[in-house]
Protein backbone atom coordinates (compact mmCIF):
# COMPACT_ATOMS: atom_id res chain seq x y z
CA MET A 1 -32.09 -34.60 -57.51
CA GLU A 2 -28.71 -33.29 -58.63
CA GLU A 3 -27.06 -34.52 -55.43
CA LYS A 4 -28.48 -38.03 -55.88
CA LYS A 5 -27.31 -38.06 -59.50
CA ARG A 6 -23.83 -37.01 -58.39
CA TRP A 7 -23.74 -39.76 -55.74
CA LEU A 8 -24.87 -42.42 -58.24
CA GLU A 9 -22.27 -41.39 -60.81
CA GLU A 10 -19.33 -40.76 -58.49
CA GLU A 11 -19.69 -42.91 -55.40
CA TYR A 12 -22.05 -45.74 -56.27
CA ALA A 13 -20.76 -46.34 -59.81
CA SER A 14 -17.18 -46.66 -58.54
CA SER A 15 -18.07 -49.27 -55.92
CA PRO A 16 -17.92 -53.03 -56.70
CA LEU A 17 -21.23 -54.91 -56.80
CA ARG A 18 -22.12 -58.49 -56.06
CA ASP A 19 -22.97 -60.73 -59.01
CA ALA A 20 -26.71 -60.51 -58.43
CA VAL A 21 -29.92 -59.28 -60.03
CA PHE A 22 -31.35 -56.49 -57.91
CA ASN A 23 -35.05 -56.99 -58.58
CA THR A 24 -37.97 -57.89 -56.37
CA VAL A 25 -39.14 -61.49 -56.44
CA SER A 26 -41.82 -60.28 -58.88
CA GLY A 27 -39.20 -58.89 -61.25
CA ASP A 28 -39.54 -55.16 -60.56
CA ARG A 29 -36.34 -53.14 -60.46
CA VAL A 30 -35.13 -52.13 -56.99
CA GLU A 31 -33.21 -48.87 -56.92
CA PRO A 32 -29.88 -48.82 -55.09
CA LEU A 33 -31.12 -45.97 -52.92
CA TYR A 34 -34.46 -44.26 -52.32
CA THR A 35 -34.64 -40.58 -51.40
CA PRO A 36 -37.39 -37.95 -50.92
CA GLU A 37 -37.61 -37.41 -54.68
CA ASP A 38 -38.92 -40.97 -55.09
CA ILE A 39 -42.02 -40.03 -53.12
CA GLY A 40 -42.18 -36.39 -54.19
CA GLY A 41 -45.87 -36.60 -55.09
CA LEU A 42 -46.92 -38.14 -51.78
CA ASP A 43 -49.65 -36.22 -49.96
CA TYR A 44 -49.69 -37.30 -46.32
CA ASP A 45 -53.38 -36.66 -45.68
CA GLU A 46 -54.62 -38.05 -49.02
CA ASP A 47 -52.23 -41.00 -49.40
CA LEU A 48 -51.36 -41.99 -45.85
CA GLY A 49 -53.48 -40.35 -43.19
CA TYR A 50 -53.72 -41.91 -39.75
CA PRO A 51 -54.44 -45.48 -38.68
CA GLY A 52 -58.17 -46.14 -38.48
CA GLU A 53 -58.91 -43.27 -40.87
CA TYR A 54 -59.44 -43.04 -44.63
CA PRO A 55 -57.62 -44.15 -46.79
CA TYR A 56 -56.40 -46.69 -44.20
CA THR A 57 -52.93 -47.06 -45.73
CA ARG A 58 -51.52 -47.19 -42.20
CA GLY A 59 -54.03 -49.71 -40.84
CA VAL A 60 -57.75 -50.19 -40.30
CA GLN A 61 -57.75 -49.71 -36.50
CA PRO A 62 -56.57 -46.59 -34.66
CA ASN A 63 -54.67 -48.66 -32.09
CA MET A 64 -53.76 -51.70 -34.24
CA TYR A 65 -51.75 -54.25 -32.19
CA ARG A 66 -51.54 -51.98 -29.14
CA GLY A 67 -55.26 -52.71 -28.78
CA ARG A 68 -55.44 -56.35 -29.91
CA LEU A 69 -53.02 -58.72 -31.54
CA TRP A 70 -53.90 -60.40 -34.81
CA THR A 71 -55.86 -63.66 -34.66
CA MET A 72 -53.40 -66.54 -34.64
CA ARG A 73 -54.72 -69.38 -36.78
CA GLN A 74 -53.14 -72.60 -37.92
CA PHE A 75 -54.63 -74.31 -40.96
CA ALA A 76 -55.78 -77.67 -39.60
CA GLY A 77 -57.63 -80.60 -41.04
CA PHE A 78 -56.72 -84.17 -41.82
CA GLY A 79 -58.25 -87.62 -41.75
CA SER A 80 -61.55 -87.86 -39.92
CA ALA A 81 -63.49 -85.24 -37.99
CA GLU A 82 -62.30 -86.96 -34.78
CA ASP A 83 -58.65 -86.61 -35.86
CA THR A 84 -59.03 -82.92 -36.61
CA ASN A 85 -61.01 -82.25 -33.44
CA ARG A 86 -58.03 -83.55 -31.44
CA ARG A 87 -55.69 -81.25 -33.42
CA TYR A 88 -57.93 -78.26 -32.69
CA LYS A 89 -57.81 -78.95 -28.98
CA PHE A 90 -54.02 -79.37 -29.18
CA LEU A 91 -53.72 -75.95 -30.84
CA LEU A 92 -56.14 -74.23 -28.46
CA GLU A 93 -54.16 -75.57 -25.49
CA ARG A 94 -51.01 -74.01 -26.99
CA GLY A 95 -52.46 -70.57 -27.52
CA THR A 96 -54.02 -70.41 -30.97
CA THR A 97 -56.77 -67.77 -30.96
CA GLY A 98 -58.84 -68.84 -33.98
CA LEU A 99 -59.60 -72.08 -35.80
CA SER A 100 -59.16 -72.79 -39.49
CA VAL A 101 -60.57 -75.76 -41.41
CA ALA A 102 -58.73 -77.48 -44.24
CA PHE A 103 -61.06 -79.83 -46.10
CA ASP A 104 -60.10 -82.86 -48.15
CA MET A 105 -60.39 -82.81 -51.93
CA PRO A 106 -63.70 -84.70 -52.17
CA THR A 107 -65.30 -82.19 -49.78
CA ILE A 108 -63.80 -79.27 -51.73
CA MET A 109 -65.25 -80.70 -54.95
CA GLY A 110 -68.68 -81.37 -53.42
CA ARG A 111 -68.44 -85.16 -53.42
CA ASP A 112 -69.27 -87.52 -50.59
CA SER A 113 -66.63 -89.89 -49.28
CA ASP A 114 -68.37 -92.88 -50.88
CA ASP A 115 -68.43 -91.25 -54.33
CA PRO A 116 -66.33 -93.32 -56.80
CA ARG A 117 -64.29 -90.20 -57.63
CA ALA A 118 -63.37 -89.80 -53.95
CA GLU A 119 -61.57 -93.13 -53.75
CA GLY A 120 -58.05 -92.77 -52.38
CA GLU A 121 -58.51 -89.08 -51.48
CA VAL A 122 -60.67 -89.18 -48.35
CA GLY A 123 -59.00 -87.31 -45.49
CA ARG A 124 -55.72 -86.98 -47.40
CA CYS A 125 -55.24 -83.22 -47.84
CA GLY A 126 -57.74 -82.12 -45.20
CA VAL A 127 -60.64 -83.35 -43.13
CA ALA A 128 -63.55 -85.29 -44.66
CA ILE A 129 -66.89 -83.59 -43.96
CA ASP A 130 -69.92 -85.22 -45.57
CA SER A 131 -72.81 -84.02 -43.41
CA LEU A 132 -73.92 -82.14 -40.34
CA ALA A 133 -73.00 -85.24 -38.32
CA ASP A 134 -69.33 -84.83 -39.29
CA MET A 135 -69.41 -81.11 -38.49
CA GLU A 136 -70.86 -81.89 -35.06
CA THR A 137 -67.94 -84.24 -34.42
CA LEU A 138 -65.42 -81.74 -35.77
CA PHE A 139 -66.38 -79.17 -33.12
CA ASP A 140 -67.30 -81.52 -30.31
CA GLY A 141 -66.38 -79.89 -26.99
CA ILE A 142 -65.62 -76.51 -28.64
CA GLU A 143 -68.11 -73.71 -28.01
CA LEU A 144 -68.56 -71.95 -31.35
CA ARG A 145 -69.82 -68.74 -29.71
CA ASP A 146 -66.40 -68.45 -28.00
CA ILE A 147 -64.18 -68.86 -31.07
CA THR A 148 -64.04 -67.67 -34.67
CA THR A 149 -63.54 -70.22 -37.43
CA SER A 150 -62.23 -69.78 -40.95
CA MET A 151 -63.24 -72.38 -43.53
CA THR A 152 -61.28 -72.72 -46.75
CA ILE A 153 -64.11 -73.82 -49.01
CA ASN A 154 -65.45 -72.33 -52.22
CA GLY A 155 -67.81 -74.22 -54.54
CA PRO A 156 -69.75 -75.83 -51.64
CA ALA A 157 -69.21 -72.88 -49.25
CA SER A 158 -72.95 -72.36 -48.71
CA ILE A 159 -73.31 -75.98 -47.58
CA LEU A 160 -70.39 -76.02 -45.15
CA LEU A 161 -71.58 -72.70 -43.74
CA ALA A 162 -75.02 -74.26 -43.21
CA PHE A 163 -73.47 -77.25 -41.41
CA TYR A 164 -71.48 -74.88 -39.16
CA LEU A 165 -74.50 -72.72 -38.35
CA CYS A 166 -76.51 -75.80 -37.47
CA VAL A 167 -73.78 -76.97 -35.06
CA GLY A 168 -73.93 -73.58 -33.33
CA GLU A 169 -77.71 -73.85 -33.26
CA LYS A 170 -77.51 -77.27 -31.61
CA GLN A 171 -75.10 -75.81 -29.03
CA GLY A 172 -77.72 -73.20 -28.16
CA ALA A 173 -76.08 -70.26 -29.92
CA SER A 174 -78.03 -67.89 -32.13
CA PHE A 175 -76.72 -67.21 -35.63
CA SER A 176 -75.96 -63.64 -34.56
CA GLU A 177 -73.51 -64.93 -31.93
CA LEU A 178 -71.41 -66.89 -34.42
CA GLY A 179 -68.33 -65.35 -35.99
CA GLY A 180 -65.99 -66.57 -38.68
CA THR A 181 -65.22 -66.65 -42.37
CA ILE A 182 -65.96 -68.77 -45.39
CA GLN A 183 -63.58 -68.32 -48.30
CA ASN A 184 -66.44 -68.52 -50.82
CA ASP A 185 -64.28 -66.86 -53.50
CA ILE A 186 -65.38 -68.68 -56.63
CA LEU A 187 -63.87 -66.18 -59.08
CA LYS A 188 -60.31 -67.02 -58.05
CA GLU A 189 -61.15 -70.71 -58.61
CA TYR A 190 -61.71 -70.03 -62.30
CA ILE A 191 -58.57 -67.89 -62.32
CA ALA A 192 -56.12 -70.03 -60.36
CA GLN A 193 -57.07 -72.87 -58.03
CA LYS A 194 -59.53 -74.74 -60.30
CA SER A 195 -61.77 -76.30 -57.64
CA TRP A 196 -65.06 -75.14 -59.10
CA ILE A 197 -68.36 -76.99 -59.44
CA PHE A 198 -70.98 -74.79 -61.13
CA PRO A 199 -70.52 -72.28 -63.97
CA PRO A 200 -69.62 -68.69 -62.97
CA ARG A 201 -73.04 -67.06 -63.21
CA PRO A 202 -75.05 -69.48 -61.03
CA SER A 203 -72.09 -69.52 -58.65
CA MET A 204 -72.39 -65.74 -58.34
CA ARG A 205 -76.13 -66.15 -57.66
CA ILE A 206 -75.32 -68.44 -54.70
CA ILE A 207 -72.78 -65.92 -53.41
CA THR A 208 -75.24 -63.01 -53.53
CA ASP A 209 -77.75 -65.22 -51.70
CA ILE A 210 -75.13 -65.75 -48.98
CA LEU A 211 -74.43 -62.00 -48.84
CA ALA A 212 -78.12 -61.22 -48.40
CA PHE A 213 -78.76 -63.97 -45.85
CA CYS A 214 -75.76 -63.27 -43.65
CA SER A 215 -76.19 -59.49 -43.67
CA SER A 216 -79.48 -59.97 -41.86
CA GLU A 217 -79.09 -63.30 -40.04
CA VAL A 218 -75.35 -63.81 -39.34
CA PRO A 219 -74.01 -60.26 -38.97
CA ARG A 220 -70.62 -61.27 -37.49
CA TRP A 221 -69.79 -63.58 -40.39
CA ASN A 222 -67.27 -62.67 -43.11
CA THR A 223 -69.19 -63.83 -46.16
CA ILE A 224 -66.31 -63.90 -48.66
CA SER A 225 -62.58 -64.10 -48.04
CA ILE A 226 -61.45 -62.66 -51.36
CA SER A 227 -58.32 -64.62 -51.94
CA GLY A 228 -55.07 -63.62 -53.55
CA TYR A 229 -53.28 -66.44 -51.78
CA HIS A 230 -54.02 -69.07 -54.40
CA ILE A 231 -53.39 -66.64 -57.25
CA ARG A 232 -49.87 -66.16 -55.87
CA GLU A 233 -49.40 -69.88 -55.23
CA ALA A 234 -50.25 -70.45 -58.92
CA GLY A 235 -47.26 -68.32 -59.87
CA SER A 236 -48.44 -64.71 -60.10
CA THR A 237 -46.36 -61.68 -59.23
CA ALA A 238 -47.17 -59.58 -56.18
CA VAL A 239 -48.82 -56.93 -58.36
CA GLN A 240 -50.94 -59.54 -60.15
CA GLU A 241 -52.00 -60.96 -56.79
CA LEU A 242 -52.96 -57.48 -55.62
CA ALA A 243 -54.76 -56.43 -58.80
CA PHE A 244 -56.59 -59.67 -59.56
CA THR A 245 -57.73 -60.07 -55.94
CA LEU A 246 -59.12 -56.55 -55.72
CA ALA A 247 -60.71 -56.89 -59.17
CA ASP A 248 -62.53 -59.98 -57.88
CA GLY A 249 -63.59 -58.00 -54.82
CA PHE A 250 -65.01 -55.23 -56.96
CA ALA A 251 -66.86 -57.85 -59.04
CA TYR A 252 -68.54 -59.20 -55.89
CA VAL A 253 -69.52 -55.67 -54.88
CA GLU A 254 -71.04 -55.09 -58.32
CA ALA A 255 -72.88 -58.42 -58.15
CA GLY A 256 -74.33 -57.56 -54.75
CA ILE A 257 -75.48 -54.15 -55.96
CA ALA A 258 -76.97 -55.70 -59.11
CA ALA A 259 -78.90 -58.13 -56.89
CA GLY A 260 -80.57 -55.18 -55.20
CA LEU A 261 -78.47 -55.06 -52.03
CA ASP A 262 -77.27 -51.83 -50.46
CA VAL A 263 -73.48 -51.83 -50.63
CA ASP A 264 -73.20 -50.82 -46.98
CA ASP A 265 -75.33 -53.80 -45.93
CA PHE A 266 -72.78 -56.37 -47.13
CA ALA A 267 -69.43 -54.71 -47.89
CA PRO A 268 -68.37 -54.41 -44.21
CA ARG A 269 -68.32 -58.23 -43.97
CA LEU A 270 -66.12 -58.76 -47.03
CA SER A 271 -62.60 -59.75 -46.04
CA PHE A 272 -59.41 -60.60 -47.92
CA PHE A 273 -56.78 -63.31 -47.85
CA PHE A 274 -53.25 -62.55 -49.03
CA ASN A 275 -50.04 -64.48 -49.51
CA SER A 276 -46.87 -63.42 -47.72
CA HIS A 277 -44.04 -64.31 -50.07
CA VAL A 278 -40.28 -64.03 -49.66
CA ASP A 279 -39.62 -60.44 -50.76
CA PHE A 280 -39.96 -58.68 -47.42
CA PHE A 281 -40.53 -55.05 -48.45
CA GLU A 282 -42.52 -55.83 -51.59
CA GLU A 283 -45.05 -57.74 -49.50
CA ILE A 284 -45.43 -54.92 -46.96
CA ALA A 285 -45.99 -52.44 -49.80
CA LYS A 286 -48.62 -54.77 -51.28
CA TYR A 287 -50.72 -54.80 -48.12
CA ARG A 288 -50.53 -51.02 -47.70
CA ALA A 289 -51.46 -50.42 -51.35
CA ALA A 290 -54.37 -52.87 -51.06
CA ARG A 291 -55.95 -50.91 -48.21
CA ARG A 292 -55.61 -47.60 -50.02
CA ILE A 293 -56.98 -48.89 -53.34
CA TRP A 294 -59.97 -50.60 -51.72
CA ALA A 295 -60.86 -47.52 -49.67
CA ARG A 296 -60.71 -45.19 -52.64
CA HIS A 297 -62.74 -47.40 -54.96
CA MET A 298 -65.38 -48.24 -52.37
CA LYS A 299 -65.90 -44.59 -51.47
CA GLU A 300 -65.48 -42.91 -54.84
CA LYS A 301 -66.67 -45.53 -57.36
CA TYR A 302 -69.23 -47.60 -55.47
CA GLY A 303 -70.61 -44.84 -53.26
CA ALA A 304 -70.22 -46.65 -49.94
CA ARG A 305 -71.03 -44.31 -47.07
CA ASP A 306 -70.20 -46.51 -44.09
CA PRO A 307 -66.48 -46.25 -43.22
CA ARG A 308 -66.53 -49.99 -42.44
CA SER A 309 -67.16 -50.59 -46.15
CA TRP A 310 -63.93 -48.71 -46.94
CA MET A 311 -61.78 -50.84 -44.64
CA LEU A 312 -59.86 -53.71 -46.20
CA ARG A 313 -59.43 -56.33 -43.48
CA PHE A 314 -57.26 -59.30 -44.36
CA HIS A 315 -55.92 -62.67 -43.28
CA THR A 316 -52.43 -63.68 -44.33
CA GLN A 317 -50.80 -67.05 -44.86
CA THR A 318 -47.09 -67.46 -45.39
CA ALA A 319 -46.13 -68.71 -48.85
CA GLY A 320 -46.53 -72.44 -49.22
CA CYS A 321 -44.95 -72.29 -52.68
CA SER A 322 -41.74 -70.88 -51.17
CA LEU A 323 -41.20 -73.91 -48.93
CA THR A 324 -38.64 -76.46 -50.04
CA ALA A 325 -38.41 -80.21 -49.63
CA GLN A 326 -34.63 -79.81 -49.49
CA GLN A 327 -33.36 -78.79 -46.04
CA PRO A 328 -36.91 -78.44 -44.66
CA GLU A 329 -35.72 -76.84 -41.41
CA ASN A 330 -34.89 -73.74 -43.51
CA ASN A 331 -38.64 -73.32 -43.92
CA ILE A 332 -38.90 -72.27 -40.26
CA VAL A 333 -36.80 -69.20 -41.06
CA ARG A 334 -38.63 -68.46 -44.30
CA THR A 335 -41.95 -68.60 -42.47
CA ALA A 336 -40.68 -66.32 -39.69
CA PHE A 337 -39.72 -63.40 -41.91
CA GLN A 338 -42.79 -63.86 -44.10
CA ALA A 339 -44.94 -63.68 -40.96
CA LEU A 340 -43.05 -60.59 -39.82
CA SER A 341 -43.77 -58.82 -43.11
CA ALA A 342 -47.48 -59.63 -42.72
CA VAL A 343 -47.46 -58.12 -39.22
CA LEU A 344 -45.57 -55.02 -40.34
CA GLY A 345 -48.10 -54.79 -43.18
CA GLY A 346 -51.00 -54.72 -40.71
CA THR A 347 -52.70 -58.12 -41.04
CA GLN A 348 -55.76 -58.92 -38.92
CA SER A 349 -55.21 -62.69 -38.91
CA LEU A 350 -52.24 -64.91 -39.66
CA HIS A 351 -51.43 -68.52 -40.45
CA THR A 352 -47.80 -69.60 -40.39
CA ASN A 353 -46.91 -72.62 -42.51
CA SER A 354 -45.14 -75.56 -40.92
CA MET A 355 -41.71 -76.65 -42.08
CA ASP A 356 -42.95 -80.00 -43.37
CA GLU A 357 -45.94 -78.79 -45.43
CA THR A 358 -44.15 -79.19 -48.74
CA LEU A 359 -43.92 -82.92 -47.94
CA ALA A 360 -47.13 -83.71 -46.04
CA LEU A 361 -49.75 -82.28 -43.73
CA PRO A 362 -47.99 -80.94 -40.62
CA THR A 363 -47.11 -82.99 -37.59
CA GLU A 364 -47.94 -81.70 -34.11
CA LYS A 365 -44.30 -80.76 -33.54
CA ALA A 366 -44.06 -78.78 -36.77
CA VAL A 367 -47.35 -76.96 -36.26
CA GLU A 368 -46.36 -76.04 -32.70
CA ILE A 369 -43.14 -74.45 -34.00
CA ALA A 370 -45.18 -72.53 -36.57
CA LEU A 371 -47.54 -71.23 -33.88
CA ARG A 372 -44.64 -70.34 -31.59
CA THR A 373 -43.21 -68.28 -34.49
CA GLN A 374 -46.27 -66.03 -34.35
CA GLN A 375 -46.08 -65.79 -30.58
CA LEU A 376 -42.40 -64.84 -30.69
CA ILE A 377 -43.18 -62.02 -33.12
CA ALA A 378 -46.12 -60.89 -30.99
CA TYR A 379 -44.51 -60.97 -27.56
CA GLU A 380 -40.74 -60.71 -28.03
CA SER A 381 -39.86 -58.79 -31.20
CA GLY A 382 -41.20 -55.38 -30.17
CA VAL A 383 -42.75 -54.72 -33.59
CA THR A 384 -46.26 -54.52 -32.11
CA ASN A 385 -45.41 -51.53 -29.94
CA THR A 386 -45.83 -48.89 -32.66
CA ILE A 387 -48.27 -48.65 -35.54
CA ASP A 388 -47.05 -48.93 -39.15
CA PRO A 389 -43.40 -48.33 -38.23
CA LEU A 390 -42.22 -48.38 -41.87
CA ALA A 391 -44.45 -45.48 -42.94
CA GLY A 392 -42.30 -42.67 -44.33
CA SER A 393 -39.62 -45.08 -45.52
CA TYR A 394 -38.65 -43.76 -48.93
CA ALA A 395 -38.34 -47.32 -50.25
CA VAL A 396 -41.61 -48.65 -48.80
CA GLU A 397 -43.65 -45.59 -49.82
CA ALA A 398 -42.20 -45.66 -53.35
CA MET A 399 -43.00 -49.37 -53.65
CA THR A 400 -46.52 -48.78 -52.31
CA ASP A 401 -47.14 -46.05 -54.90
CA ARG A 402 -45.76 -48.23 -57.71
CA MET A 403 -47.97 -51.15 -56.62
CA GLU A 404 -51.03 -48.91 -56.72
CA GLU A 405 -50.17 -47.56 -60.17
CA GLN A 406 -49.56 -51.02 -61.63
CA ALA A 407 -52.76 -52.39 -60.09
CA GLU A 408 -54.79 -49.52 -61.56
CA ASP A 409 -53.31 -50.34 -64.97
CA TYR A 410 -54.53 -53.92 -64.59
CA PHE A 411 -58.00 -52.67 -63.62
CA ARG A 412 -58.14 -50.69 -66.87
CA ARG A 413 -57.12 -53.73 -68.92
CA ILE A 414 -59.74 -55.91 -67.20
CA GLU A 415 -62.41 -53.27 -67.82
CA GLU A 416 -61.46 -53.14 -71.52
CA LEU A 417 -62.03 -56.92 -71.69
CA GLY A 418 -65.56 -56.48 -70.35
CA GLY A 419 -64.97 -57.12 -66.64
CA VAL A 420 -63.83 -60.04 -64.54
CA LEU A 421 -66.22 -62.72 -65.84
CA SER A 422 -65.48 -61.82 -69.45
CA ALA A 423 -61.73 -61.76 -68.75
CA ILE A 424 -62.02 -65.25 -67.23
CA ASP A 425 -63.85 -66.46 -70.33
CA GLN A 426 -61.05 -65.06 -72.49
CA GLY A 427 -58.32 -66.64 -70.37
CA PHE A 428 -56.70 -63.31 -69.51
CA PHE A 429 -55.88 -64.05 -65.87
CA GLN A 430 -54.74 -67.58 -66.61
CA ARG A 431 -52.26 -66.43 -69.29
CA GLU A 432 -50.88 -63.61 -67.14
CA ILE A 433 -50.23 -65.96 -64.24
CA ALA A 434 -48.75 -68.69 -66.45
CA ASP A 435 -46.33 -66.22 -68.05
CA ALA A 436 -45.25 -64.91 -64.62
CA ALA A 437 -44.76 -68.43 -63.27
CA TYR A 438 -42.64 -69.36 -66.28
CA ARG A 439 -40.43 -66.29 -65.90
CA TYR A 440 -39.90 -66.99 -62.19
CA GLN A 441 -39.02 -70.64 -62.77
CA ARG A 442 -36.51 -69.67 -65.46
CA GLU A 443 -34.89 -67.21 -63.04
CA ILE A 444 -34.43 -70.01 -60.52
CA GLU A 445 -33.03 -72.36 -63.16
CA ARG A 446 -30.57 -69.71 -64.36
CA GLY A 447 -29.57 -68.93 -60.78
CA ASP A 448 -30.78 -65.31 -60.97
CA LYS A 449 -33.02 -66.09 -58.00
CA VAL A 450 -31.26 -67.95 -55.22
CA VAL A 451 -33.28 -70.56 -53.34
CA VAL A 452 -31.15 -71.72 -50.45
CA GLY A 453 -30.68 -75.48 -50.48
CA VAL A 454 -32.16 -75.84 -53.97
CA ASN A 455 -30.00 -74.02 -56.50
CA ARG A 456 -27.27 -72.91 -54.09
CA PHE A 457 -25.85 -74.09 -50.75
CA GLN A 458 -26.98 -77.67 -51.30
CA ASN A 459 -25.88 -80.43 -48.96
CA GLU A 460 -24.40 -83.48 -50.65
CA ASN A 461 -25.94 -86.82 -49.72
CA GLU A 462 -28.75 -85.07 -47.86
CA THR A 463 -31.27 -87.38 -46.20
CA LEU A 464 -34.68 -86.46 -44.81
CA THR A 465 -34.54 -86.41 -41.02
CA ILE A 466 -38.01 -85.18 -39.99
CA ASP A 467 -41.09 -87.21 -39.15
CA LEU A 468 -44.09 -86.90 -41.45
CA LEU A 469 -47.80 -87.21 -40.78
CA LYS A 470 -49.33 -90.25 -42.46
CA ILE A 471 -53.07 -90.71 -42.99
CA ASP A 472 -54.38 -94.15 -42.02
CA PRO A 473 -56.23 -95.78 -44.97
CA ALA A 474 -58.80 -96.93 -42.39
CA VAL A 475 -60.13 -93.34 -42.32
CA GLU A 476 -61.74 -93.77 -45.73
CA LYS A 477 -63.33 -97.10 -44.84
CA LYS A 478 -64.73 -95.69 -41.60
CA GLN A 479 -66.05 -92.58 -43.34
CA ARG A 480 -67.92 -94.70 -45.87
CA GLU A 481 -69.41 -96.81 -43.07
CA ASN A 482 -70.52 -93.67 -41.25
CA LEU A 483 -72.25 -92.41 -44.38
CA ALA A 484 -74.12 -95.66 -44.85
CA ALA A 485 -75.27 -95.57 -41.22
CA LEU A 486 -76.38 -91.94 -41.58
CA ARG A 487 -78.48 -92.64 -44.65
CA SER A 488 -80.17 -95.60 -43.00
CA SER A 489 -80.96 -93.80 -39.73
CA ARG A 490 -82.19 -90.40 -40.91
CA ALA A 491 -85.77 -89.62 -41.90
CA ALA A 492 -85.46 -90.40 -45.61
CA ALA A 493 -88.71 -88.72 -46.61
CA ASP A 494 -87.71 -85.47 -44.91
CA ALA A 495 -84.33 -85.51 -46.63
CA GLU A 496 -85.90 -86.10 -50.05
CA ALA A 497 -88.45 -83.34 -49.50
CA CYS A 498 -85.73 -80.85 -48.55
CA LEU A 499 -83.62 -81.74 -51.59
CA SER A 500 -86.63 -81.41 -53.87
CA ALA A 501 -87.45 -78.00 -52.40
CA LEU A 502 -83.86 -76.89 -52.97
CA SER A 503 -83.95 -77.87 -56.65
CA GLU A 504 -87.23 -76.04 -57.06
CA GLY A 505 -85.78 -72.96 -55.36
CA ALA A 506 -82.74 -73.04 -57.64
CA ARG A 507 -85.04 -72.97 -60.68
CA GLY A 508 -86.69 -69.84 -59.32
CA GLU A 509 -85.41 -66.77 -57.53
CA ALA A 510 -85.65 -67.80 -53.87
CA ASN A 511 -82.71 -67.19 -51.57
CA LEU A 512 -81.06 -70.63 -51.40
CA MET A 513 -79.53 -70.37 -47.91
CA PRO A 514 -82.71 -71.18 -45.92
CA LEU A 515 -83.32 -74.14 -48.23
CA ILE A 516 -79.75 -75.40 -47.77
CA LEU A 517 -80.11 -75.01 -44.00
CA SER A 518 -83.22 -77.20 -44.14
CA CYS A 519 -81.24 -79.84 -46.02
CA ALA A 520 -78.48 -79.67 -43.42
CA ARG A 521 -80.92 -80.11 -40.54
CA ALA A 522 -82.41 -83.15 -42.33
CA TYR A 523 -78.86 -84.63 -42.50
CA CYS A 524 -78.70 -84.52 -46.27
CA THR A 525 -75.11 -85.04 -47.34
CA GLU A 526 -72.95 -82.49 -49.10
CA GLY A 527 -72.91 -84.62 -52.25
CA GLU A 528 -76.71 -84.89 -52.27
CA ILE A 529 -77.16 -81.13 -51.88
CA ILE A 530 -74.64 -80.44 -54.65
CA ALA A 531 -76.40 -82.95 -56.92
CA ALA A 532 -79.72 -81.17 -56.38
CA LEU A 533 -78.13 -77.89 -57.46
CA ARG A 534 -76.10 -79.44 -60.28
CA ASP A 535 -79.29 -80.73 -61.87
CA VAL A 536 -80.38 -77.10 -62.27
CA PHE A 537 -77.11 -75.17 -62.68
CA GLY A 538 -75.01 -77.67 -64.61
CA GLU A 539 -71.25 -78.12 -64.22
CA TYR A 540 -68.42 -75.87 -65.38
CA ARG A 541 -66.00 -76.96 -68.10
CA GLU A 542 -62.99 -74.75 -68.64
CA THR A 543 -61.99 -73.74 -72.15
CA ALA A 544 -58.53 -75.11 -72.93
CA LEU A 545 -55.97 -72.32 -73.29
CA PHE A 546 -52.64 -74.09 -73.69
């Protein structure tokens, strides 16, 4: 300690410094130098251990990428199911190892393409999926038993899962052979993304029904992808993303236990979804802290006995909010080092953003570059040869410890407010994120945070030189025609009977998943199924905070 103090006062203090603010992107102070004293309380066995062993700080698998590389996914979905099916086959031909579905806004909000509120939005920000017929087209020629699929859907997650399971069923696969993930993280919708349908409590009932159904019927399915990604995209700090995401995860565990489920029956199929932002070492520390916190809480607080329940497995997406419309080719570089931090942090699955995603959905050229970025890291960089290579770094370990301490402080504050649902009702998460977003934007405007091409190193008279993907307006017209044809050709009485049974089940205590599956098989539309549930559960209206 005395030697470090001497160095700081004599050598460091006498050296000139750049005109810069030496903080993380989240605003935490970064020391000029880290030494053993910064991690003096670190216990190797208790705090680090070995990969594949509690507390999993160093990774959830003993062999990590020496055994298997992460799943390479590219978020894909635009226009019609036919359009997106072609994109899937394009990606599979170029080496992607998992599929990921981006849905359009009407689908996300549980509205059919012919709903008046869907006008002008069909197929715009993702693929339009109105019924099992669309899902069949989406995966035409793709064997679902041979691939895993991640679906970014929340309020209607149970319905899209049912459509997917029915496609596998029609292909001859059993539910137990199907693997994948539904995001299904409704709590973060109330906190950050705002694409909810039902109020929180009935939404949690649907989620626990999914947990129970999948634990017995679809054992390879990740039932919730507890998502910090959208919390970070809304403007949170790294610590807020970490703490709020894990708090949501604990709330789902508590809900499952309260519903009478054994924690070890459903916790192993909970997964996480994190953002990889621009601060390289802060992000790596976040992932390592997340694994350690989850393991400790699951074992010590919730009494999980199965080591699989202690393992935090996560997907990562590079930070969409960090991409810039100015000099969009710079986004290729941003995405590359964000992806590298996710890999060094031990991700199980990764999506790299395309350079044009701040302007439009990605073109084939842009998405191929994004996929090649992952492949370059995997096969050329050498970082997959050793497990958790940054362990023992004074800086990384100190940041990991600080992340854990700050997250635990947030957990205490949330508990004092009465838990996650009560904190949502009181606007706690929303205010914390809004304040962080404001501080970050002010730092950019003052020039404390440099964004290359935006507030420094601009090009005068810059013109956009990249092609953009444009959605044909004919997609919406065709989708509406398809819906009309579906409704006229299906067995109307069967559809009505299934919808009626679903409403009745919602009024009682039946598990809703078998009833939703019956609706899917009868080719009821997503909007019709949501309407049957909305009649019972109502619709959420957020309390104004600002």
